[in-house]
Amino acid sequence: MTAEPGGYGIVATGHALGEPSNVADLAPRYTKDLQKIQDWGYRTFHRAGEGTGLTDLAAAAGRRALERAEIGAEHVDLVVLAMADIAEYLYWDPAAAVQGRLGSRGAEAVLANQACSAGVVAFDLIAGKFATHPEYRVALLVAANRVCETYWNRMESNTSIASDGAAAAVLVRGHAECQWLATEVITEGRYAHILRLPGGGAAHPFTGQGPGPGIVTNPFDRMEDHFVGDVRAMLQFSRQVRTNIRDVVLRACQRASVAVELVRYVLHLNDNIRALTSFAEDIGIEVGRTNAEISMDHGHLGAADQIFAMGKLLDEGRLEKGDVVALTSSGAGMHWAATLLRV
C-alpha cells in the first residue's frame, strides 16, 4: 500500500532495553570463537534480568512512547506487537497481553511474527487497518525481543549478537510528520525451513522424555543442512539475499515515487559491521548513512532494530523535515522488507 491523504505518521517513539553488557567481557560465556566476535565489531549488547519477559519489555516501551506522545492508552485503537523470537508462553497471545498491560482495552490487538522483518512489515499491516477501519485514529506499534537462551545462543545462532529490548512508535492518522509512504515485501517460501527449531512444535513435541527441543545452530550449519551440502545452491541463496534487499528498497521507492538517491538513511537490522558495510555497498550508500554505529552499541534487537534506530535519529536531531528514511530487513521465512518514511 502507499500513502494517501489522511495517512498516518509517527508522533513519538519509546524504548525499553535490558542491562547494557560489555561484549568483550561476556563473549567467552557464549562462544570459543572470540576472533569472530572481535571482527563483528560490537561493543555493547543488552541482557534482560531474570524474570523479565518479552511482554514486560514491550509494555514498558509502549507506555514510554504513549507518554511522550501525550496520548492516553485508552485512546489507542490498534495495538500491533511485532516479534522475532518466542514469547513467555505457548497457546497465548502476547499482543493481547500487551494491550491488557497497557490498559488499551478497547483496542484491537494484532501479532506480527515474520521473524526479524516483522517490525518493518507491520507498518503496512497498520496502513491496511487504517484503510479498512476509518474510525481508527491511533495505532501503537511495539517491536520486542527477549532471547530464550535455552534455544538460542546469543553469539552463535546468527551472524549478529542478540539483544533484549523493545521499541515502540505511536502512529496517528493524518499526522504530518514522519509519514508512512510505502512498504514492499518479497517472500520466498522455499527457504522457510532454514531457521526452524527441530523440536518443540506439533511435528515433534517436547514431552520431557528423551532429547529436548534442541537449540538453533549456527547459520552455516543450517544452510548446509537445508541445501544438503550443495555449494552452488548455497552461493545462489547468498546472492539472492543481497539482491532481494536491494530490489525491495527499489520497489518501495518506485511505489512511493521517491528517487532512491534521495533516501537519506537506510536503517537495516543491527547486523555485524562487515555485513552492514556490504549492505551499504549493495544499496549504493556510505555505511555512515546506515544504522551501523547504533548496531555496534546495542546489538540485534530482533524485530525492534529499525524502530529503535529511527527513534534514536529523531531524538538526536539527525533528521530534517522532508528527509526520507528507509527501514529495511531480511528475516526467516524468507522475507525481505522495506518501509519508507518522510520526516
Protein backbone atom coordinates (compact mmCIF):
# COMPACT_ATOMS: atom_id res chain seq x y z
CA MET A 1 0.00 0.00 0.00
CA THR A 2 1.07 3.63 -0.48
CA ALA A 3 0.32 6.75 1.47
CA GLU A 4 -2.91 8.62 0.72
CA PRO A 5 -4.26 11.94 2.05
CA GLY A 6 -5.24 11.22 5.62
CA GLY A 7 -2.49 8.64 6.01
CA TYR A 8 -0.51 8.34 9.22
CA GLY A 9 2.74 9.44 10.79
CA ILE A 10 4.88 8.80 13.85
CA VAL A 11 4.06 11.14 16.75
CA ALA A 12 6.54 9.68 19.25
CA THR A 13 8.76 6.69 19.93
CA GLY A 14 9.94 4.98 23.08
CA HIS A 15 12.09 2.04 24.07
CA ALA A 16 12.97 -0.32 26.92
CA LEU A 17 16.27 -2.19 26.96
CA GLY A 18 17.90 -4.89 29.03
CA GLU A 19 21.01 -4.05 31.01
CA PRO A 20 23.97 -2.97 28.85
CA SER A 21 26.68 -5.64 28.76
CA ASN A 22 30.24 -5.38 27.50
CA VAL A 23 30.79 -7.74 24.58
CA ALA A 24 34.46 -8.43 25.30
CA ASP A 25 33.70 -9.35 28.92
CA LEU A 26 30.85 -11.75 28.21
CA ALA A 27 31.79 -13.26 24.85
CA PRO A 28 33.65 -16.25 26.44
CA ARG A 29 30.34 -17.36 28.03
CA TYR A 30 28.77 -17.80 24.60
CA THR A 31 31.47 -18.77 22.12
CA LYS A 32 35.01 -20.04 21.74
CA ASP A 33 35.47 -18.06 18.53
CA LEU A 34 36.49 -14.78 20.08
CA GLN A 35 38.18 -13.61 16.88
CA LYS A 36 34.81 -13.79 15.11
CA ILE A 37 33.24 -11.63 17.78
CA GLN A 38 36.05 -9.10 17.51
CA ASP A 39 35.63 -8.96 13.74
CA TRP A 40 31.90 -8.36 14.11
CA GLY A 41 32.67 -5.04 15.80
CA TYR A 42 30.04 -4.98 18.53
CA ARG A 43 30.90 -3.08 21.69
CA THR A 44 27.75 -3.48 23.80
CA PHE A 45 24.58 -5.56 23.86
CA HIS A 46 21.59 -5.81 26.24
CA ARG A 47 20.55 -8.65 28.52
CA ALA A 48 17.25 -8.57 30.40
CA GLY A 49 17.23 -9.66 34.02
CA GLU A 50 15.89 -12.96 35.26
CA GLY A 51 12.10 -12.93 35.20
CA THR A 52 11.81 -10.16 32.60
CA GLY A 53 9.78 -11.38 29.64
CA LEU A 54 9.18 -10.17 26.12
CA THR A 55 5.83 -8.64 27.02
CA ASP A 56 7.40 -6.83 30.00
CA LEU A 57 9.79 -5.07 27.64
CA ALA A 58 7.04 -4.45 25.08
CA ALA A 59 4.65 -2.93 27.61
CA ALA A 60 7.40 -0.68 29.01
CA ALA A 61 8.35 0.59 25.55
CA GLY A 62 4.72 1.14 24.57
CA ARG A 63 3.99 3.01 27.79
CA ARG A 64 7.01 5.26 27.23
CA ALA A 65 6.01 6.05 23.65
CA LEU A 66 2.45 6.94 24.70
CA GLU A 67 3.75 9.19 27.49
CA ARG A 68 5.98 11.03 25.04
CA ALA A 69 3.07 11.39 22.60
CA GLU A 70 0.84 12.62 25.46
CA ILE A 71 -1.83 10.16 24.40
CA GLY A 72 -3.64 8.04 26.96
CA ALA A 73 -3.70 4.29 26.50
CA GLU A 74 -7.50 4.40 26.45
CA HIS A 75 -7.34 6.38 23.19
CA VAL A 76 -5.42 3.67 21.29
CA ASP A 77 -7.50 1.92 18.63
CA LEU A 78 -4.95 -0.68 17.46
CA VAL A 79 -2.02 -2.40 19.17
CA VAL A 80 0.40 -4.33 16.97
CA LEU A 81 3.14 -6.43 18.56
CA ALA A 82 6.00 -7.43 16.24
CA MET A 83 8.40 -10.14 17.41
CA ALA A 84 11.11 -12.41 16.05
CA ASP A 85 11.59 -14.83 18.94
CA ILE A 86 9.10 -16.67 21.14
CA ALA A 87 7.17 -15.07 23.98
CA GLU A 88 6.79 -16.28 27.55
CA TYR A 89 4.13 -18.93 26.90
CA LEU A 90 2.68 -21.15 24.18
CA TYR A 91 -1.07 -21.17 23.34
CA TRP A 92 -1.07 -17.50 24.39
CA ASP A 93 -1.46 -14.22 22.54
CA PRO A 94 1.33 -11.83 23.58
CA ALA A 95 -0.21 -8.98 21.57
CA ALA A 96 -3.41 -9.20 23.59
CA ALA A 97 -1.34 -9.44 26.77
CA VAL A 98 0.48 -6.19 25.91
CA GLN A 99 -2.83 -4.49 25.11
CA GLY A 100 -4.14 -5.53 28.51
CA ARG A 101 -0.97 -4.46 30.33
CA LEU A 102 -1.17 -1.01 28.74
CA GLY A 103 -4.83 -0.56 29.58
CA SER A 104 -5.87 -0.12 25.93
CA ARG A 105 -8.78 -2.45 26.42
CA GLY A 106 -10.92 -1.06 23.63
CA ALA A 107 -8.14 -1.55 21.07
CA GLU A 108 -7.80 -4.35 18.55
CA ALA A 109 -4.61 -6.38 19.17
CA VAL A 110 -2.65 -7.99 16.33
CA LEU A 111 0.51 -10.13 16.39
CA ALA A 112 3.11 -9.84 13.61
CA ASN A 113 5.67 -12.64 13.69
CA GLN A 114 7.60 -12.52 10.40
CA ALA A 115 10.89 -13.02 12.27
CA CYS A 116 13.29 -10.06 12.06
CA SER A 117 11.16 -8.45 9.31
CA ALA A 118 8.06 -8.18 11.50
CA GLY A 119 8.67 -4.60 12.68
CA VAL A 120 9.13 -3.32 9.12
CA VAL A 121 6.21 -5.31 7.66
CA ALA A 122 3.91 -4.12 10.46
CA PHE A 123 3.80 -0.58 9.02
CA ASP A 124 1.94 -1.98 6.01
CA LEU A 125 -0.37 -4.01 8.24
CA ILE A 126 -1.28 -0.80 10.11
CA ALA A 127 -1.86 1.07 6.84
CA GLY A 128 -4.30 -1.65 5.86
CA LYS A 129 -6.12 -1.45 9.19
CA PHE A 130 -6.43 2.33 8.87
CA ALA A 131 -7.77 1.90 5.31
CA THR A 132 -10.46 -0.60 6.30
CA HIS A 133 -11.35 0.94 9.67
CA PRO A 134 -11.93 4.68 9.15
CA GLU A 135 -12.80 5.06 12.82
CA TYR A 136 -9.26 4.07 13.88
CA ARG A 137 -7.18 7.12 14.72
CA VAL A 138 -4.29 5.93 16.93
CA ALA A 139 -2.15 2.82 16.50
CA LEU A 140 0.65 1.66 18.75
CA LEU A 141 3.34 -0.43 17.09
CA VAL A 142 5.63 -2.27 19.50
CA ALA A 143 8.51 -4.49 18.40
CA ALA A 144 10.19 -6.60 21.07
CA ASN A 145 12.91 -9.20 21.51
CA ARG A 146 13.75 -11.37 24.51
CA VAL A 147 16.24 -14.13 23.79
CA CYS A 148 15.35 -17.55 25.19
CA GLU A 149 18.87 -18.82 25.84
CA THR A 150 17.63 -22.40 26.16
CA TYR A 151 17.00 -22.35 22.41
CA TRP A 152 19.25 -19.58 21.15
CA ASN A 153 22.95 -18.79 21.65
CA ARG A 154 23.31 -15.02 21.54
CA MET A 155 26.65 -15.20 19.73
CA GLU A 156 26.44 -18.46 17.77
CA SER A 157 22.92 -18.85 16.38
CA ASN A 158 23.18 -15.93 13.95
CA THR A 159 25.67 -13.53 12.35
CA SER A 160 24.88 -10.91 14.99
CA ILE A 161 24.84 -10.60 18.77
CA ALA A 162 21.27 -10.95 20.01
CA SER A 163 19.98 -8.35 22.48
CA ASP A 164 16.92 -7.95 24.69
CA GLY A 165 14.78 -4.87 24.23
CA ALA A 166 11.71 -3.26 22.70
CA ALA A 167 10.92 -0.15 20.70
CA ALA A 168 7.52 1.42 20.13
CA ALA A 169 6.01 4.05 17.84
CA VAL A 170 2.74 5.92 18.25
CA LEU A 171 1.12 6.28 14.82
CA VAL A 172 -1.68 8.78 14.31
CA ARG A 173 -3.93 9.14 11.28
CA GLY A 174 -3.37 12.45 9.46
CA HIS A 175 -0.19 13.32 11.37
CA ALA A 176 2.03 15.36 9.02
CA GLU A 177 5.43 14.35 10.38
CA CYS A 178 7.31 11.06 9.93
CA GLN A 179 4.69 9.99 7.45
CA TRP A 180 4.47 6.44 6.17
CA LEU A 181 4.94 6.42 2.38
CA ALA A 182 5.13 2.79 1.28
CA THR A 183 6.05 -0.75 2.27
CA GLU A 184 7.25 -3.53 -0.01
CA VAL A 185 7.86 -7.19 0.89
CA ILE A 186 9.45 -10.07 -1.01
CA THR A 187 8.75 -13.55 0.36
CA GLU A 188 10.50 -16.73 -0.76
CA GLY A 189 8.96 -19.74 0.97
CA ARG A 190 11.48 -22.22 -0.44
CA TYR A 191 13.75 -21.16 2.40
CA ALA A 192 11.19 -21.39 5.20
CA HIS A 193 12.96 -24.28 6.94
CA ILE A 194 16.40 -22.72 7.33
CA LEU A 195 15.86 -21.20 10.81
CA ARG A 196 13.40 -23.61 12.36
CA LEU A 197 13.98 -25.31 15.71
CA PRO A 198 13.99 -29.10 15.24
CA GLY A 199 11.72 -29.89 18.18
CA GLY A 200 9.02 -28.41 20.38
CA GLY A 201 6.31 -27.92 17.74
CA ALA A 202 3.38 -30.12 16.80
CA ALA A 203 5.52 -32.19 14.40
CA HIS A 204 7.97 -33.14 17.18
CA PRO A 205 6.52 -32.11 20.54
CA PHE A 206 8.77 -31.87 23.54
CA THR A 207 7.38 -34.41 26.01
CA GLY A 208 10.01 -34.17 28.71
CA GLN A 209 11.25 -37.64 27.84
CA GLY A 210 14.24 -38.20 25.61
CA PRO A 211 16.05 -35.36 23.83
CA GLY A 212 14.88 -31.81 24.39
CA PRO A 213 13.71 -29.48 21.62
CA GLY A 214 17.29 -28.60 20.74
CA ILE A 215 18.98 -25.28 20.02
CA VAL A 216 19.12 -23.16 16.88
CA THR A 217 22.51 -23.96 15.34
CA ASN A 218 24.80 -21.51 13.58
CA PRO A 219 23.63 -20.22 10.17
CA PHE A 220 26.35 -22.01 8.20
CA ASP A 221 25.37 -25.44 9.55
CA ARG A 222 21.70 -24.65 8.90
CA MET A 223 22.42 -23.71 5.31
CA GLU A 224 24.48 -26.84 4.75
CA ASP A 225 21.65 -28.98 6.14
CA HIS A 226 18.98 -27.20 4.10
CA PHE A 227 20.90 -27.37 0.82
CA VAL A 228 22.31 -30.84 1.59
CA GLY A 229 25.85 -29.59 1.09
CA ASP A 230 25.15 -28.20 -2.42
CA VAL A 231 27.71 -25.37 -2.53
CA ARG A 232 26.29 -23.93 -5.75
CA ALA A 233 22.81 -23.68 -4.21
CA MET A 234 24.24 -22.05 -1.09
CA LEU A 235 26.06 -19.44 -3.17
CA GLN A 236 22.90 -18.76 -5.15
CA PHE A 237 20.97 -18.26 -1.90
CA SER A 238 23.61 -15.86 -0.59
CA ARG A 239 23.43 -13.84 -3.80
CA GLN A 240 19.64 -13.77 -3.63
CA VAL A 241 19.72 -12.48 -0.05
CA ARG A 242 21.77 -9.50 -1.20
CA THR A 243 19.85 -8.95 -4.43
CA ASN A 244 16.42 -9.07 -2.81
CA ILE A 245 17.20 -6.46 -0.17
CA ARG A 246 18.34 -4.06 -2.87
CA ASP A 247 15.30 -4.87 -5.02
CA VAL A 248 12.79 -4.41 -2.20
CA VAL A 249 14.19 -0.92 -1.49
CA LEU A 250 13.92 -0.01 -5.17
CA ARG A 251 10.34 -1.31 -5.29
CA ALA A 252 9.36 0.74 -2.23
CA CYS A 253 10.91 3.86 -3.78
CA GLN A 254 9.08 3.26 -7.03
CA ARG A 255 5.77 2.74 -5.25
CA ALA A 256 6.24 5.98 -3.29
CA SER A 257 7.59 7.89 -6.34
CA VAL A 258 10.80 8.69 -4.46
CA ALA A 259 14.18 8.61 -6.20
CA VAL A 260 16.37 6.14 -4.35
CA GLU A 261 19.25 8.63 -4.22
CA LEU A 262 17.03 10.94 -2.13
CA VAL A 263 16.82 8.41 0.73
CA ARG A 264 18.98 9.93 3.47
CA TYR A 265 19.26 6.96 5.83
CA VAL A 266 18.71 3.24 5.34
CA LEU A 267 18.14 1.56 8.71
CA HIS A 268 18.66 -2.19 8.41
CA LEU A 269 18.67 -4.89 11.06
CA ASN A 270 21.52 -4.50 13.55
CA ASP A 271 23.90 -6.89 11.83
CA ASN A 272 27.68 -7.08 12.28
CA ILE A 273 29.88 -4.33 10.82
CA ARG A 274 31.11 -6.44 7.92
CA ALA A 275 27.57 -7.35 6.88
CA LEU A 276 26.36 -3.75 7.19
CA THR A 277 29.29 -2.50 5.15
CA SER A 278 28.42 -4.99 2.37
CA PHE A 279 24.77 -4.00 2.70
CA ALA A 280 25.65 -0.31 2.21
CA GLU A 281 27.66 -1.17 -0.89
CA ASP A 282 24.74 -3.16 -2.32
CA ILE A 283 22.36 -0.24 -1.75
CA GLY A 284 24.91 2.27 -3.06
CA ILE A 285 25.33 4.44 0.04
CA GLU A 286 28.06 5.18 2.59
CA VAL A 287 27.96 2.99 5.69
CA GLY A 288 27.59 6.20 7.74
CA ARG A 289 24.07 6.54 6.30
CA THR A 290 23.04 3.24 7.89
CA ASN A 291 22.48 2.18 11.49
CA ALA A 292 25.99 0.70 11.79
CA GLU A 293 27.09 2.73 14.82
CA ILE A 294 23.78 2.17 16.61
CA SER A 295 24.15 -1.54 15.91
CA MET A 296 27.63 -1.72 17.43
CA ASP A 297 26.37 -0.09 20.63
CA HIS A 298 23.17 -2.11 21.10
CA GLY A 299 23.30 -5.46 19.30
CA HIS A 300 20.48 -7.07 17.34
CA LEU A 301 17.09 -6.35 18.91
CA GLY A 302 15.21 -8.74 16.65
CA ALA A 303 12.22 -7.03 15.02
CA ALA A 304 12.84 -3.82 17.03
CA ASP A 305 16.08 -2.67 15.36
CA GLN A 306 14.61 -0.30 12.80
CA ILE A 307 12.06 1.42 15.06
CA PHE A 308 14.73 1.79 17.75
CA ALA A 309 17.21 3.30 15.27
CA MET A 310 14.59 5.65 13.86
CA GLY A 311 13.79 6.85 17.36
CA LYS A 312 17.47 7.44 18.06
CA LEU A 313 17.90 9.55 14.93
CA LEU A 314 14.81 11.61 15.77
CA ASP A 315 15.81 12.13 19.41
CA GLU A 316 19.34 13.17 18.45
CA GLY A 317 18.11 15.69 15.87
CA ARG A 318 19.88 13.97 12.99
CA LEU A 319 16.87 14.17 10.68
CA GLU A 320 15.43 17.24 8.99
CA LYS A 321 11.92 17.89 7.76
CA GLY A 322 11.45 16.26 4.37
CA ASP A 323 14.17 13.63 4.82
CA VAL A 324 13.21 10.18 3.56
CA VAL A 325 14.30 7.19 5.64
CA ALA A 326 14.10 3.54 4.60
CA LEU A 327 13.60 0.84 7.23
CA THR A 328 14.79 -2.48 5.81
CA SER A 329 15.14 -6.04 6.95
CA SER A 330 15.57 -9.64 5.94
CA GLY A 331 14.31 -12.46 8.10
CA ALA A 332 13.45 -16.11 8.30
CA GLY A 333 10.62 -17.07 6.04
CA MET A 334 12.43 -15.82 3.98
CA HIS A 335 11.17 -12.26 3.92
CA TRP A 336 12.81 -9.07 2.67
CA ALA A 337 11.03 -5.84 3.56
CA ALA A 338 11.38 -2.07 3.16
CA THR A 339 9.26 0.72 4.60
CA LEU A 340 9.72 4.38 3.60
CA LEU A 341 9.03 7.28 5.96
CA ARG A 342 9.20 11.01 5.23
CA VAL A 343 10.18 13.15 8.22
